[in-house]
PDB file of N, CA and C in Angstrom:
ATOM      1  N   MET A   1      18.483 -14.908 -22.853  1.00  0.00           N
ATOM      2  CA  MET A   1      18.418 -14.561 -21.286  1.00  0.00           C
ATOM      3  C   MET A   1      17.985 -13.423 -20.507  1.00  0.00           C
ATOM      4  N   ALA A   2      16.724 -13.713 -19.997  1.00  0.00           N
ATOM      5  CA  ALA A   2      16.816 -12.005 -19.372  1.00  0.00           C
ATOM      6  C   ALA A   2      17.715 -11.553 -18.292  1.00  0.00           C
ATOM      7  N   SER A   3      18.063 -10.482 -18.311  1.00  0.00           N
ATOM      8  CA  SER A   3      18.812 -10.008 -16.817  1.00  0.00           C
ATOM      9  C   SER A   3      17.931 -10.554 -15.466  1.00  0.00           C
ATOM     10  N   PRO A   4      18.564 -10.740 -14.243  1.00  0.00           N
ATOM     11  CA  PRO A   4      18.099 -11.044 -12.965  1.00  0.00           C
ATOM     12  C   PRO A   4      17.314  -9.426 -12.584  1.00  0.00           C
ATOM     13  N   ILE A   5      16.111  -9.713 -11.764  1.00  0.00           N
ATOM     14  CA  ILE A   5      15.581  -8.550 -11.319  1.00  0.00           C
ATOM     15  C   ILE A   5      16.910  -8.462 -10.376  1.00  0.00           C
ATOM     16  N   PRO A   6      16.976  -6.533 -10.481  1.00  0.00           N
ATOM     17  CA  PRO A   6      18.059  -6.081  -9.089  1.00  0.00           C
ATOM     18  C   PRO A   6      17.236  -6.463  -7.639  1.00  0.00           C
ATOM     19  N   ILE A   7      17.917  -6.577  -6.408  1.00  0.00           N
ATOM     20  CA  ILE A   7      17.644  -6.528  -5.305  1.00  0.00           C
ATOM     21  C   ILE A   7      17.841  -5.109  -4.457  1.00  0.00           C
ATOM     22  N   PHE A   8      16.804  -4.664  -3.790  1.00  0.00           N
ATOM     23  CA  PHE A   8      16.724  -3.620  -2.993  1.00  0.00           C
ATOM     24  C   PHE A   8      17.729  -3.643  -2.001  1.00  0.00           C
ATOM     25  N   LYS A   9      18.807  -3.511  -2.023  1.00  0.00           N
ATOM     26  CA  LYS A   9      19.309  -2.983  -0.567  1.00  0.00           C
ATOM     27  C   LYS A   9      19.272  -1.841   0.799  1.00  0.00           C
ATOM     28  N   THR A  10      18.750  -2.416   1.581  1.00  0.00           N
ATOM     29  CA  THR A  10      18.159  -1.482   2.831  1.00  0.00           C
ATOM     30  C   THR A  10      18.935  -1.193   3.728  1.00  0.00           C
ATOM     31  N   LEU A  11      18.525   0.243   4.318  1.00  0.00           N
ATOM     32  CA  LEU A  11      19.725   0.608   5.024  1.00  0.00           C
ATOM     33  C   LEU A  11      19.315   0.409   6.648  1.00  0.00           C
ATOM     34  N   ILE A  12      18.166  -0.391   6.349  1.00  0.00           N
ATOM     35  CA  ILE A  12      17.273  -0.704   7.864  1.00  0.00           C
ATOM     36  C   ILE A  12      16.826  -2.240   7.843  1.00  0.00           C
ATOM     37  N   SER A  13      16.806  -2.847   8.427  1.00  0.00           N
ATOM     38  CA  SER A  13      16.133  -4.273   8.660  1.00  0.00           C
ATOM     39  C   SER A  13      14.573  -3.946   8.263  1.00  0.00           C
ATOM     40  N   VAL A  14      13.904  -4.982   7.814  1.00  0.00           N
ATOM     41  CA  VAL A  14      12.161  -4.942   7.529  1.00  0.00           C
ATOM     42  C   VAL A  14      11.741  -5.325   9.373  1.00  0.00           C
ATOM     43  N   GLU A  15      12.714  -6.567  10.418  1.00  0.00           N
ATOM     44  CA  GLU A  15      11.884  -6.322  11.425  1.00  0.00           C
ATOM     45  C   GLU A  15      12.448  -4.781  12.169  1.00  0.00           C
ATOM     46  N   ASN A  16      13.657  -4.421  11.955  1.00  0.00           N
ATOM     47  CA  ASN A  16      13.597  -2.914  12.911  1.00  0.00           C
ATOM     48  C   ASN A  16      12.479  -1.688  12.532  1.00  0.00           C
ATOM     49  N   PHE A  17      12.347  -1.987  11.391  1.00  0.00           N
ATOM     50  CA  PHE A  17      11.701  -0.502  10.372  1.00  0.00           C
ATOM     51  C   PHE A  17      10.068  -1.502  11.325  1.00  0.00           C
ATOM     52  N   ARG A  18       9.758  -1.974  11.484  1.00  0.00           N
ATOM     53  CA  ARG A  18       8.434  -2.668  12.009  1.00  0.00           C
ATOM     54  C   ARG A  18       8.469  -2.456  13.094  1.00  0.00           C
ATOM     55  N   ALA A  19       9.415  -3.115  14.060  1.00  0.00           N
ATOM     56  CA  ALA A  19       9.113  -1.836  15.049  1.00  0.00           C
ATOM     57  C   ALA A  19       9.541  -0.808  15.645  1.00  0.00           C
ATOM     58  N   LEU A  20      10.027  -0.143  14.889  1.00  0.00           N
ATOM     59  CA  LEU A  20      10.320   1.952  15.110  1.00  0.00           C
ATOM     60  C   LEU A  20       8.712   1.847  14.343  1.00  0.00           C
ATOM     61  N   ILE A  21       7.755   1.473  13.564  1.00  0.00           N
ATOM     62  CA  ILE A  21       6.701   2.237  13.719  1.00  0.00           C
ATOM     63  C   ILE A  21       5.253   1.167  14.438  1.00  0.00           C
ATOM     64  N   ASN A  22       6.066   0.315  15.204  1.00  0.00           N
ATOM     65  CA  ASN A  22       4.797  -0.051  15.537  1.00  0.00           C
ATOM     66  C   ASN A  22       5.147   0.691  17.324  1.00  0.00           C
ATOM     67  N   ASP A  23       6.037   1.165  17.411  1.00  0.00           N
ATOM     68  CA  ASP A  23       6.126   1.667  18.389  1.00  0.00           C
ATOM     69  C   ASP A  23       6.092   3.113  18.575  1.00  0.00           C
ATOM     70  N   HIS A  24       6.175   3.963  17.023  1.00  0.00           N
ATOM     71  CA  HIS A  24       5.889   5.428  16.884  1.00  0.00           C
ATOM     72  C   HIS A  24       4.699   5.627  16.889  1.00  0.00           C
ATOM     73  N   PHE A  25       3.663   4.894  16.455  1.00  0.00           N
ATOM     74  CA  PHE A  25       2.205   4.813  16.137  1.00  0.00           C
ATOM     75  C   PHE A  25       1.574   3.684  17.181  1.00  0.00           C
ATOM     76  N   GLN A  26       1.797   3.741  18.167  1.00  0.00           N
ATOM     77  CA  GLN A  26       1.603   2.539  18.955  1.00  0.00           C
ATOM     78  C   GLN A  26      -0.006   3.443  19.403  1.00  0.00           C
ATOM     79  N   LYS A  27      -0.125   4.545  19.250  1.00  0.00           N
ATOM     80  CA  LYS A  27      -1.311   5.085  19.818  1.00  0.00           C
ATOM     81  C   LYS A  27      -2.559   4.475  18.891  1.00  0.00           C
ATOM     82  N   GLN A  28      -2.154   4.979  17.837  1.00  0.00           N
ATOM     83  CA  GLN A  28      -3.110   4.598  16.274  1.00  0.00           C
ATOM     84  C   GLN A  28      -3.283   3.648  16.308  1.00  0.00           C
ATOM     85  N   ILE A  29      -2.277   2.743  16.167  1.00  0.00           N
ATOM     86  CA  ILE A  29      -2.635   1.464  15.727  1.00  0.00           C
ATOM     87  C   ILE A  29      -3.475   0.295  16.731  1.00  0.00           C
ATOM     88  N   SER A  30      -3.185   0.837  18.381  1.00  0.00           N
ATOM     89  CA  SER A  30      -4.022   0.408  19.384  1.00  0.00           C
ATOM     90  C   SER A  30      -5.624   0.675  19.651  1.00  0.00           C
ATOM     91  N   ASP A  31      -5.530   2.029  19.380  1.00  0.00           N
ATOM     92  CA  ASP A  31      -7.567   2.859  19.428  1.00  0.00           C
ATOM     93  C   ASP A  31      -8.501   2.102  17.858  1.00  0.00           C
ATOM     94  N   GLY A  32      -7.461   1.849  16.583  1.00  0.00           N
ATOM     95  CA  GLY A  32      -8.136   1.358  15.648  1.00  0.00           C
ATOM     96  C   GLY A  32      -8.846   2.265  14.603  1.00  0.00           C
ATOM     97  N   GLN A  33      -8.811   3.840  15.133  1.00  0.00           N
ATOM     98  CA  GLN A  33      -9.671   4.419  14.378  1.00  0.00           C
ATOM     99  C   GLN A  33      -8.958   4.812  13.415  1.00  0.00           C
ATOM    100  N   GLN A  34      -7.588   5.542  13.376  1.00  0.00           N
ATOM    101  CA  GLN A  34      -7.213   6.060  12.629  1.00  0.00           C
ATOM    102  C   GLN A  34      -6.716   5.277  11.488  1.00  0.00           C
ATOM    103  N   TYR A  35      -5.985   3.522  11.730  1.00  0.00           N
ATOM    104  CA  TYR A  35      -5.764   2.554  10.934  1.00  0.00           C
ATOM    105  C   TYR A  35      -6.513   1.472  10.807  1.00  0.00           C
ATOM    106  N   ASP A  36      -7.093   1.111   9.443  1.00  0.00           N
ATOM    107  CA  ASP A  36      -7.904  -0.447   9.269  1.00  0.00           C
ATOM    108  C   ASP A  36      -5.751  -1.611  10.386  1.00  0.00           C
ATOM    109  N   ARG A  37      -7.216  -2.437  11.161  1.00  0.00           N
ATOM    110  CA  ARG A  37      -5.972  -3.599  11.976  1.00  0.00           C
ATOM    111  C   ARG A  37      -5.961  -4.417  10.662  1.00  0.00           C
ATOM    112  N   ARG A  38      -6.538  -4.867   9.351  1.00  0.00           N
ATOM    113  CA  ARG A  38      -5.803  -5.555   7.953  1.00  0.00           C
ATOM    114  C   ARG A  38      -5.055  -4.981   7.501  1.00  0.00           C
ATOM    115  N   ASP A  39      -4.614  -3.945   7.223  1.00  0.00           N
ATOM    116  CA  ASP A  39      -3.235  -3.128   6.961  1.00  0.00           C
ATOM    117  C   ASP A  39      -2.246  -3.088   7.916  1.00  0.00           C
ATOM    118  N   ILE A  40      -2.062  -3.190   9.044  1.00  0.00           N
ATOM    119  CA  ILE A  40      -1.611  -3.282  10.161  1.00  0.00           C
ATOM    120  C   ILE A  40      -0.973  -4.549   9.909  1.00  0.00           C
ATOM    121  N   GLN A  41      -1.749  -5.443  10.269  1.00  0.00           N
ATOM    122  CA  GLN A  41      -1.188  -7.543   9.907  1.00  0.00           C
ATOM    123  C   GLN A  41      -1.121  -7.485   8.508  1.00  0.00           C
ATOM    124  N   ARG A  42      -1.397  -7.208   7.916  1.00  0.00           N
ATOM    125  CA  ARG A  42      -0.707  -7.241   6.203  1.00  0.00           C
ATOM    126  C   ARG A  42       0.998  -6.715   6.752  1.00  0.00           C
ATOM    127  N   PHE A  43       1.327  -5.348   7.244  1.00  0.00           N
ATOM    128  CA  PHE A  43       2.482  -4.504   7.395  1.00  0.00           C
ATOM    129  C   PHE A  43       3.385  -5.112   8.275  1.00  0.00           C
ATOM    130  N   ASN A  44       3.107  -5.853   8.981  1.00  0.00           N
ATOM    131  CA  ASN A  44       3.709  -7.125  10.177  1.00  0.00           C
ATOM    132  C   ASN A  44       4.246  -8.453   9.543  1.00  0.00           C
ATOM    133  N   HIS A  45       2.943  -8.792   8.514  1.00  0.00           N
ATOM    134  CA  HIS A  45       3.478 -10.308   7.896  1.00  0.00           C
ATOM    135  C   HIS A  45       3.926 -10.400   6.890  1.00  0.00           C
ATOM    136  N   ILE A  46       4.084  -9.060   6.003  1.00  0.00           N
ATOM    137  CA  ILE A  46       4.546  -9.484   4.761  1.00  0.00           C
ATOM    138  C   ILE A  46       5.605  -8.611   4.421  1.00  0.00           C
ATOM    139  N   ASP A  47       7.017  -8.896   4.023  1.00  0.00           N
ATOM    140  CA  ASP A  47       8.035  -8.131   3.438  1.00  0.00           C
ATOM    141  C   ASP A  47       8.054  -7.328   2.827  1.00  0.00           C
ATOM    142  N   GLU A  48       7.643  -8.026   2.017  1.00  0.00           N
ATOM    143  CA  GLU A  48       7.577  -7.203   0.367  1.00  0.00           C
ATOM    144  C   GLU A  48       6.642  -5.785   0.738  1.00  0.00           C
ATOM    145  N   TYR A  49       5.414  -5.382   1.086  1.00  0.00           N
ATOM    146  CA  TYR A  49       4.904  -4.780   1.416  1.00  0.00           C
ATOM    147  C   TYR A  49       5.506  -3.565   2.692  1.00  0.00           C
ATOM    148  N   THR A  50       6.109  -4.176   3.635  1.00  0.00           N
ATOM    149  CA  THR A  50       7.118  -3.407   4.822  1.00  0.00           C
ATOM    150  C   THR A  50       7.916  -2.777   3.401  1.00  0.00           C
ATOM    151  N   LEU A  51       8.372  -3.049   3.033  1.00  0.00           N
ATOM    152  CA  LEU A  51      10.035  -2.610   2.054  1.00  0.00           C
ATOM    153  C   LEU A  51       9.358  -1.856   1.167  1.00  0.00           C
ATOM    154  N   MET A  52       8.173  -1.437   0.865  1.00  0.00           N
ATOM    155  CA  MET A  52       7.454  -0.508   0.067  1.00  0.00           C
ATOM    156  C   MET A  52       8.158   0.859   1.042  1.00  0.00           C
ATOM    157  N   PHE A  53       7.701   0.726   2.502  1.00  0.00           N
ATOM    158  CA  PHE A  53       7.483   2.147   3.062  1.00  0.00           C
ATOM    159  C   PHE A  53       8.671   2.214   3.629  1.00  0.00           C
ATOM    160  N   ILE A  54       9.956   1.192   3.724  1.00  0.00           N
ATOM    161  CA  ILE A  54      11.531   1.348   3.891  1.00  0.00           C
ATOM    162  C   ILE A  54      11.516   1.940   2.099  1.00  0.00           C
ATOM    163  N   GLN A  55      11.737   1.643   1.372  1.00  0.00           N
ATOM    164  CA  GLN A  55      11.988   2.343   0.122  1.00  0.00           C
ATOM    165  C   GLN A  55      11.771   3.787  -0.066  1.00  0.00           C
ATOM    166  N   HIS A  56      10.681   4.325   0.632  1.00  0.00           N
ATOM    167  CA  HIS A  56      10.207   6.013   0.467  1.00  0.00           C
ATOM    168  C   HIS A  56      10.983   6.223   1.518  1.00  0.00           C
ATOM    169  N   GLY A  57      11.815   5.984   2.474  1.00  0.00           N
ATOM    170  CA  GLY A  57      12.610   6.647   3.328  1.00  0.00           C
ATOM    171  C   GLY A  57      13.920   6.163   2.818  1.00  0.00           C
ATOM    172  N   GLN A  58      15.098   5.869   2.187  1.00  0.00           N
ATOM    173  CA  GLN A  58      15.804   5.682   2.027  1.00  0.00           C
ATOM    174  C   GLN A  58      16.355   6.321   0.867  1.00  0.00           C
ATOM    175  N   PHE A  59      17.199   6.892   0.578  1.00  0.00           N
ATOM    176  CA  PHE A  59      17.525   7.826  -0.587  1.00  0.00           C
ATOM    177  C   PHE A  59      19.546   7.858  -0.439  1.00  0.00           C
ATOM    178  N   GLY A  60      19.937   6.857  -1.618  1.00  0.00           N
ATOM    179  CA  GLY A  60      21.218   6.524  -1.514  1.00  0.00           C
ATOM    180  C   GLY A  60      22.408   5.834   0.137  1.00  0.00           C
ATOM    181  N   THR A  61      22.843   6.547   0.416  1.00  0.00           N
ATOM    182  CA  THR A  61      23.144   6.016   1.902  1.00  0.00           C
ATOM    183  C   THR A  61      22.770   6.596   3.273  1.00  0.00           C
ATOM    184  N   THR A  62      21.617   7.117   2.556  1.00  0.00           N
ATOM    185  CA  THR A  62      20.758   7.380   4.139  1.00  0.00           C
ATOM    186  C   THR A  62      19.083   7.034   4.063  1.00  0.00           C
ATOM    187  N   PHE A  63      19.466   7.158   5.346  1.00  0.00           N
ATOM    188  CA  PHE A  63      17.456   6.728   5.633  1.00  0.00           C
ATOM    189  C   PHE A  63      16.579   7.446   6.515  1.00  0.00           C
ATOM    190  N   ASP A  64      16.135   8.829   5.549  1.00  0.00           N
ATOM    191  CA  ASP A  64      15.093   9.460   6.483  1.00  0.00           C
ATOM    192  C   ASP A  64      14.009   9.086   7.302  1.00  0.00           C
ATOM    193  N   LYS A  65      14.482   8.425   8.849  1.00  0.00           N
ATOM    194  CA  LYS A  65      12.921   7.865   8.985  1.00  0.00           C
ATOM    195  C   LYS A  65      11.697   8.640   9.524  1.00  0.00           C
ATOM    196  N   ASN A  66      11.486  10.111   9.253  1.00  0.00           N
ATOM    197  CA  ASN A  66      10.749  10.923   9.140  1.00  0.00           C
ATOM    198  C   ASN A  66      10.196  10.691   8.545  1.00  0.00           C
ATOM    199  N   ARG A  67      10.865  10.935   7.207  1.00  0.00           N
ATOM    200  CA  ARG A  67       9.922  10.426   5.671  1.00  0.00           C
ATOM    201  C   ARG A  67       8.812   9.350   6.038  1.00  0.00           C
ATOM    202  N   ALA A  68       9.903   8.534   6.287  1.00  0.00           N
ATOM    203  CA  ALA A  68       9.388   7.242   6.145  1.00  0.00           C
ATOM    204  C   ALA A  68       8.036   6.869   7.193  1.00  0.00           C
ATOM    205  N   PHE A  69       8.116   7.545   8.208  1.00  0.00           N
ATOM    206  CA  PHE A  69       6.967   7.751   9.285  1.00  0.00           C
ATOM    207  C   PHE A  69       6.036   8.226   8.324  1.00  0.00           C
ATOM    208  N   HIS A  70       6.026   9.734   7.640  1.00  0.00           N
ATOM    209  CA  HIS A  70       5.391  10.074   6.778  1.00  0.00           C
ATOM    210  C   HIS A  70       4.393   9.955   6.326  1.00  0.00           C
ATOM    211  N   ILE A  71       5.176   8.859   4.965  1.00  0.00           N
ATOM    212  CA  ILE A  71       4.417   8.246   4.289  1.00  0.00           C
ATOM    213  C   ILE A  71       3.359   6.793   4.902  1.00  0.00           C
ATOM    214  N   PHE A  72       4.013   6.422   5.394  1.00  0.00           N
ATOM    215  CA  PHE A  72       3.259   5.343   6.376  1.00  0.00           C
ATOM    216  C   PHE A  72       2.432   6.250   6.728  1.00  0.00           C
ATOM    217  N   ASP A  73       2.171   6.809   8.053  1.00  0.00           N
ATOM    218  CA  ASP A  73       1.126   7.106   8.516  1.00  0.00           C
ATOM    219  C   ASP A  73       0.013   7.757   6.932  1.00  0.00           C
ATOM    220  N   ALA A  74       0.447   8.616   6.116  1.00  0.00           N
ATOM    221  CA  ALA A  74      -0.578   9.344   5.232  1.00  0.00           C
ATOM    222  C   ALA A  74      -1.349   7.954   4.398  1.00  0.00           C
ATOM    223  N   ALA A  75      -0.387   7.090   4.335  1.00  0.00           N
ATOM    224  CA  ALA A  75      -0.756   5.870   3.655  1.00  0.00           C
ATOM    225  C   ALA A  75      -1.796   4.764   4.327  1.00  0.00           C
ATOM    226  N   MET A  76      -1.694   4.309   5.487  1.00  0.00           N
ATOM    227  CA  MET A  76      -2.583   4.174   6.484  1.00  0.00           C
ATOM    228  C   MET A  76      -4.004   4.853   6.767  1.00  0.00           C
ATOM    229  N   THR A  77      -3.655   6.253   6.546  1.00  0.00           N
ATOM    230  CA  THR A  77      -5.008   6.782   6.709  1.00  0.00           C
ATOM    231  C   THR A  77      -5.424   7.351   5.552  1.00  0.00           C
ATOM    232  N   TRP A  78      -4.906   7.097   4.784  1.00  0.00           N
ATOM    233  CA  TRP A  78      -6.056   7.580   3.600  1.00  0.00           C
ATOM    234  C   TRP A  78      -6.925   5.951   3.128  1.00  0.00           C
ATOM    235  N   ARG A  79      -5.705   5.061   3.418  1.00  0.00           N
ATOM    236  CA  ARG A  79      -6.590   3.139   3.102  1.00  0.00           C
ATOM    237  C   ARG A  79      -7.749   3.421   4.512  1.00  0.00           C
ATOM    238  N   LYS A  80      -8.032   3.918   5.187  1.00  0.00           N
ATOM    239  CA  LYS A  80      -8.928   3.775   5.995  1.00  0.00           C
ATOM    240  C   LYS A  80      -9.725   4.536   5.971  1.00  0.00           C
ATOM    241  N   THR A  81      -9.758   6.036   5.767  1.00  0.00           N
ATOM    242  CA  THR A  81     -10.356   6.870   5.148  1.00  0.00           C
ATOM    243  C   THR A  81     -11.309   6.778   4.319  1.00  0.00           C
ATOM    244  N   ASN A  82     -10.740   5.633   2.802  1.00  0.00           N
ATOM    245  CA  ASN A  82     -11.145   5.421   2.124  1.00  0.00           C
ATOM    246  C   ASN A  82     -11.644   3.855   1.474  1.00  0.00           C
ATOM    247  N   ASN A  83     -11.981   2.949   2.896  1.00  0.00           N
ATOM    248  CA  ASN A  83     -12.367   1.837   2.725  1.00  0.00           C
ATOM    249  C   ASN A  83     -11.691   0.887   2.053  1.00  0.00           C
ATOM    250  N   VAL A  84     -10.599   0.911   1.801  1.00  0.00           N
ATOM    251  CA  VAL A  84     -10.075   0.028   0.703  1.00  0.00           C
ATOM    252  C   VAL A  84      -9.930  -1.172   0.764  1.00  0.00           C
ATOM    253  N   TYR A  85     -10.441  -1.707   1.866  1.00  0.00           N
ATOM    254  CA  TYR A  85     -10.729  -3.204   2.008  1.00  0.00           C
ATOM    255  C   TYR A  85     -12.713  -3.429   1.906  1.00  0.00           C
ATOM    256  N   ASP A  86     -13.326  -2.728   2.125  1.00  0.00           N
ATOM    257  CA  ASP A  86     -14.974  -2.657   1.582  1.00  0.00           C
ATOM    258  C   ASP A  86     -15.142  -2.462  -0.254  1.00  0.00           C
ATOM    259  N   VAL A  87     -14.223  -2.565  -0.964  1.00  0.00           N
ATOM    260  CA  VAL A  87     -14.457  -1.516  -2.036  1.00  0.00           C
ATOM    261  C   VAL A  87     -15.188  -2.740  -2.979  1.00  0.00           C
ATOM    262  N   SER A  88     -16.262  -3.256  -3.580  1.00  0.00           N
ATOM    263  CA  SER A  88     -16.846  -4.099  -4.337  1.00  0.00           C
ATOM    264  C   SER A  88     -16.911  -3.514  -5.778  1.00  0.00           C
ATOM    265  N   THR A  89     -17.211  -5.006  -6.270  1.00  0.00           N
ATOM    266  CA  THR A  89     -17.532  -4.612  -7.837  1.00  0.00           C
ATOM    267  C   THR A  89     -19.319  -4.228  -8.014  1.00  0.00           C
ATOM    268  N   ASP A  90     -20.090  -4.679  -6.745  1.00  0.00           N
ATOM    269  CA  ASP A  90     -21.056  -4.415  -6.430  1.00  0.00           C
ATOM    270  C   ASP A  90     -21.462  -2.809  -6.263  1.00  0.00           C
ATOM    271  N   GLU A  91     -20.627  -1.948  -6.501  1.00  0.00           N
ATOM    272  CA  GLU A  91     -20.822  -0.913  -6.047  1.00  0.00           C
ATOM    273  C   GLU A  91     -20.915   0.050  -6.802  1.00  0.00           C
ATOM    274  N   PHE A  92     -20.657  -0.653  -8.152  1.00  0.00           N
ATOM    275  CA  PHE A  92     -20.479   0.330  -9.599  1.00  0.00           C
ATOM    276  C   PHE A  92     -21.621  -0.656 -10.865  1.00  0.00           C
ATOM    277  N   PRO A  93     -22.166   0.539 -11.218  1.00  0.00           N
ATOM    278  CA  PRO A  93     -23.044   0.351 -12.294  1.00  0.00           C
ATOM    279  C   PRO A  93     -22.737  -0.789 -12.927  1.00  0.00           C
ATOM    280  N   ALA A  94     -23.569  -1.994 -13.853  1.00  0.00           N
ATOM    281  CA  ALA A  94     -23.161  -2.638 -14.010  1.00  0.00           C
ATOM    282  C   ALA A  94     -22.299  -2.735 -15.509  1.00  0.00           C
ATOM    283  N   ASP A  95     -22.616  -1.257 -16.541  1.00  0.00           N
ATOM    284  CA  ASP A  95     -22.421  -0.618 -17.664  1.00  0.00           C
ATOM    285  C   ASP A  95     -21.167  -0.112 -17.830  1.00  0.00           C
ATOM    286  N   TYR A  96     -19.957   0.197 -16.195  1.00  0.00           N
ATOM    287  CA  TYR A  96     -19.403   0.524 -16.281  1.00  0.00           C
ATOM    288  C   TYR A  96     -18.269  -0.343 -16.738  1.00  0.00           C
ATOM    289  N   PHE A  97     -18.305  -2.185 -16.690  1.00  0.00           N
ATOM    290  CA  PHE A  97     -17.966  -2.912 -16.787  1.00  0.00           C
ATOM    291  C   PHE A  97     -17.875  -3.211 -18.571  1.00  0.00           C
ATOM    292  N   ASP A  98     -19.099  -3.214 -18.803  1.00  0.00           N
ATOM    293  CA  ASP A  98     -19.866  -3.142 -20.419  1.00  0.00           C
ATOM    294  C   ASP A  98     -18.775  -2.390 -21.058  1.00  0.00           C
ATOM    295  N   ARG A  99     -18.638  -1.140 -20.798  1.00  0.00           N
ATOM    296  CA  ARG A  99     -18.234  -0.179 -21.208  1.00  0.00           C
ATOM    297  C   ARG A  99     -16.064  -0.106 -21.022  1.00  0.00           C
ATOM    298  N   ASN A 100     -15.811  -1.285 -19.973  1.00  0.00           N
ATOM    299  CA  ASN A 100     -14.290  -1.769 -19.901  1.00  0.00           C
ATOM    300  C   ASN A 100     -13.374   0.066 -19.553  1.00  0.00           C
ATOM    301  N   ALA A 101     -15.151   0.601 -18.930  1.00  0.00           N
ATOM    302  CA  ALA A 101     -14.560   1.682 -17.610  1.00  0.00           C
ATOM    303  C   ALA A 101     -13.658   1.151 -16.288  1.00  0.00           C
ATOM    304  N   ILE A 102     -13.910  -0.414 -16.435  1.00  0.00           N
ATOM    305  CA  ILE A 102     -13.552  -0.811 -15.065  1.00  0.00           C
ATOM    306  C   ILE A 102     -13.389  -2.300 -15.646  1.00  0.00           C
ATOM    307  N   TYR A 103     -11.937  -3.115 -15.206  1.00  0.00           N
ATOM    308  CA  TYR A 103     -11.717  -4.382 -15.890  1.00  0.00           C
ATOM    309  C   TYR A 103     -10.726  -4.820 -15.287  1.00  0.00           C
ATOM    310  N   PHE A 104     -10.513  -6.332 -15.093  1.00  0.00           N
ATOM    311  CA  PHE A 104      -9.075  -7.187 -14.457  1.00  0.00           C
ATOM    312  C   PHE A 104      -8.529  -6.703 -15.381  1.00  0.00           C
ATOM    313  N   LYS A 105      -6.834  -6.259 -15.169  1.00  0.00           N
ATOM    314  CA  LYS A 105      -5.803  -6.931 -15.914  1.00  0.00           C
ATOM    315  C   LYS A 105      -4.713  -6.886 -15.323  1.00  0.00           C
ATOM    316  N   ASN A 106      -4.074  -7.990 -15.312  1.00  0.00           N
ATOM    317  CA  ASN A 106      -2.711  -8.155 -14.709  1.00  0.00           C
ATOM    318  C   ASN A 106      -2.905  -8.942 -13.082  1.00  0.00           C
ATOM    319  N   ARG A 107      -1.901  -9.869 -12.823  1.00  0.00           N
ATOM    320  CA  ARG A 107      -2.015 -10.197 -11.156  1.00  0.00           C
ATOM    321  C   ARG A 107      -1.609  -9.680 -10.715  1.00  0.00           C
ATOM    322  N   ASP A 108      -0.938  -9.914  -9.189  1.00  0.00           N
ATOM    323  CA  ASP A 108      -0.077  -9.306  -8.183  1.00  0.00           C
ATOM    324  C   ASP A 108       0.855 -10.825  -8.040  1.00  0.00           C
ATOM    325  N   MET A 109       1.823 -10.095  -7.340  1.00  0.00           N
ATOM    326  CA  MET A 109       2.726 -11.728  -6.827  1.00  0.00           C
ATOM    327  C   MET A 109       2.339 -12.453  -6.331  1.00  0.00           C
ATOM    328  N   HIS A 110       1.041 -12.383  -6.076  1.00  0.00           N
ATOM    329  CA  HIS A 110       0.365 -13.765  -5.329  1.00  0.00           C
ATOM    330  C   HIS A 110      -0.721 -14.126  -6.439  1.00  0.00           C
ATOM    331  N   ASN A 111      -0.669 -13.694  -7.680  1.00  0.00           N
ATOM    332  CA  ASN A 111      -1.867 -14.205  -8.817  1.00  0.00           C
ATOM    333  C   ASN A 111      -2.746 -13.701  -8.721  1.00  0.00           C
ATOM    334  N   HIS A 112      -3.597 -12.840  -7.450  1.00  0.00           N
ATOM    335  CA  HIS A 112      -4.463 -12.159  -7.335  1.00  0.00           C
ATOM    336  C   HIS A 112      -4.907 -11.067  -9.033  1.00  0.00           C
ATOM    337  N   PRO A 113      -5.586 -10.447  -9.463  1.00  0.00           N
ATOM    338  CA  PRO A 113      -6.448 -10.109  -9.796  1.00  0.00           C
ATOM    339  C   PRO A 113      -5.860  -8.708  -9.804  1.00  0.00           C
ATOM    340  N   LEU A 114      -5.315  -7.453 -10.851  1.00  0.00           N
ATOM    341  CA  LEU A 114      -5.586  -6.767 -10.525  1.00  0.00           C
ATOM    342  C   LEU A 114      -6.836  -5.394 -11.388  1.00  0.00           C
ATOM    343  N   ARG A 115      -7.992  -5.028 -10.577  1.00  0.00           N
ATOM    344  CA  ARG A 115      -8.339  -4.010 -10.752  1.00  0.00           C
ATOM    345  C   ARG A 115      -8.079  -2.783 -10.801  1.00  0.00           C
ATOM    346  N   ASN A 116      -8.607  -2.648 -12.725  1.00  0.00           N
ATOM    347  CA  ASN A 116      -8.058  -0.895 -13.135  1.00  0.00           C
ATOM    348  C   ASN A 116      -9.297  -0.368 -13.850  1.00  0.00           C
ATOM    349  N   TYR A 117      -8.925   1.380 -13.393  1.00  0.00           N
ATOM    350  CA  TYR A 117     -10.080   1.894 -13.167  1.00  0.00           C
ATOM    351  C   TYR A 117      -9.846   2.951 -14.979  1.00  0.00           C
ATOM    352  N   GLU A 118     -10.245   2.994 -15.557  1.00  0.00           N
ATOM    353  CA  GLU A 118     -10.542   3.857 -16.638  1.00  0.00           C
ATOM    354  C   GLU A 118     -11.073   5.063 -16.199  1.00  0.00           C
ATOM    355  N   LEU A 119     -10.583   6.586 -16.017  1.00  0.00           N
ATOM    356  CA  LEU A 119     -11.522   7.441 -15.480  1.00  0.00           C
ATOM    357  C   LEU A 119     -11.162   9.090 -16.827  1.00  0.00           C
ATOM    358  N   LEU A 120     -12.050   9.164 -16.808  1.00  0.00           N
ATOM    359  CA  LEU A 120     -12.301  10.358 -18.015  1.00  0.00           C
ATOM    360  C   LEU A 120     -12.695  11.740 -17.111  1.00  0.00           C
ATOM    361  N   VAL A 121     -12.251  12.404 -17.690  1.00  0.00           N
ATOM    362  CA  VAL A 121     -12.879  13.827 -17.388  1.00  0.00           C
ATOM    363  C   VAL A 121     -13.526  14.484 -18.724  1.00  0.00           C
ATOM    364  N   LEU A 122     -15.008  14.672 -18.947  1.00  0.00           N
ATOM    365  CA  LEU A 122     -15.090  15.871 -19.507  1.00  0.00           C
ATOM    366  C   LEU A 122     -16.001  17.046 -19.034  1.00  0.00           C
ATOM    367  N   SER A 123     -15.186  18.169 -19.768  1.00  0.00           N
ATOM    368  CA  SER A 123     -15.592  19.523 -19.998  1.00  0.00           C
ATOM    369  C   SER A 123     -16.345  20.025 -20.531  1.00  0.00           C
ATOM    370  N   ASP A 124     -17.206  21.022 -19.997  1.00  0.00           N
ATOM    371  CA  ASP A 124     -18.828  21.592 -20.399  1.00  0.00           C
ATOM    372  C   ASP A 124     -18.184  21.931 -20.986  1.00  0.00           C
TER     373      ASP A 124
END
């Protein structure tokens, strides 16, 4: 029989962390220029997504709020800058799929397919 999945014990609750983030980044969230509203909605409604940011700030018996804030800001800014929600398979040449450079493999916890990219660097 398989061993049970370990449960991550946090030093701060999801609700408290959300309140800290929403208060600290109130301007960036409200103006909608730096963060995508869909990411903020996901952060505020999906506990597992919020836990990822808590885990980045927690080390043993301490919680580094500033590190968690930095990781949150960097992730949200990168996702907005790179239009993560707007990436479509139509943007890639069809032969990428034929050559298996882009393919779907496995599924996330909500059974959505995960897209994988194989990147090769060709030297001169």
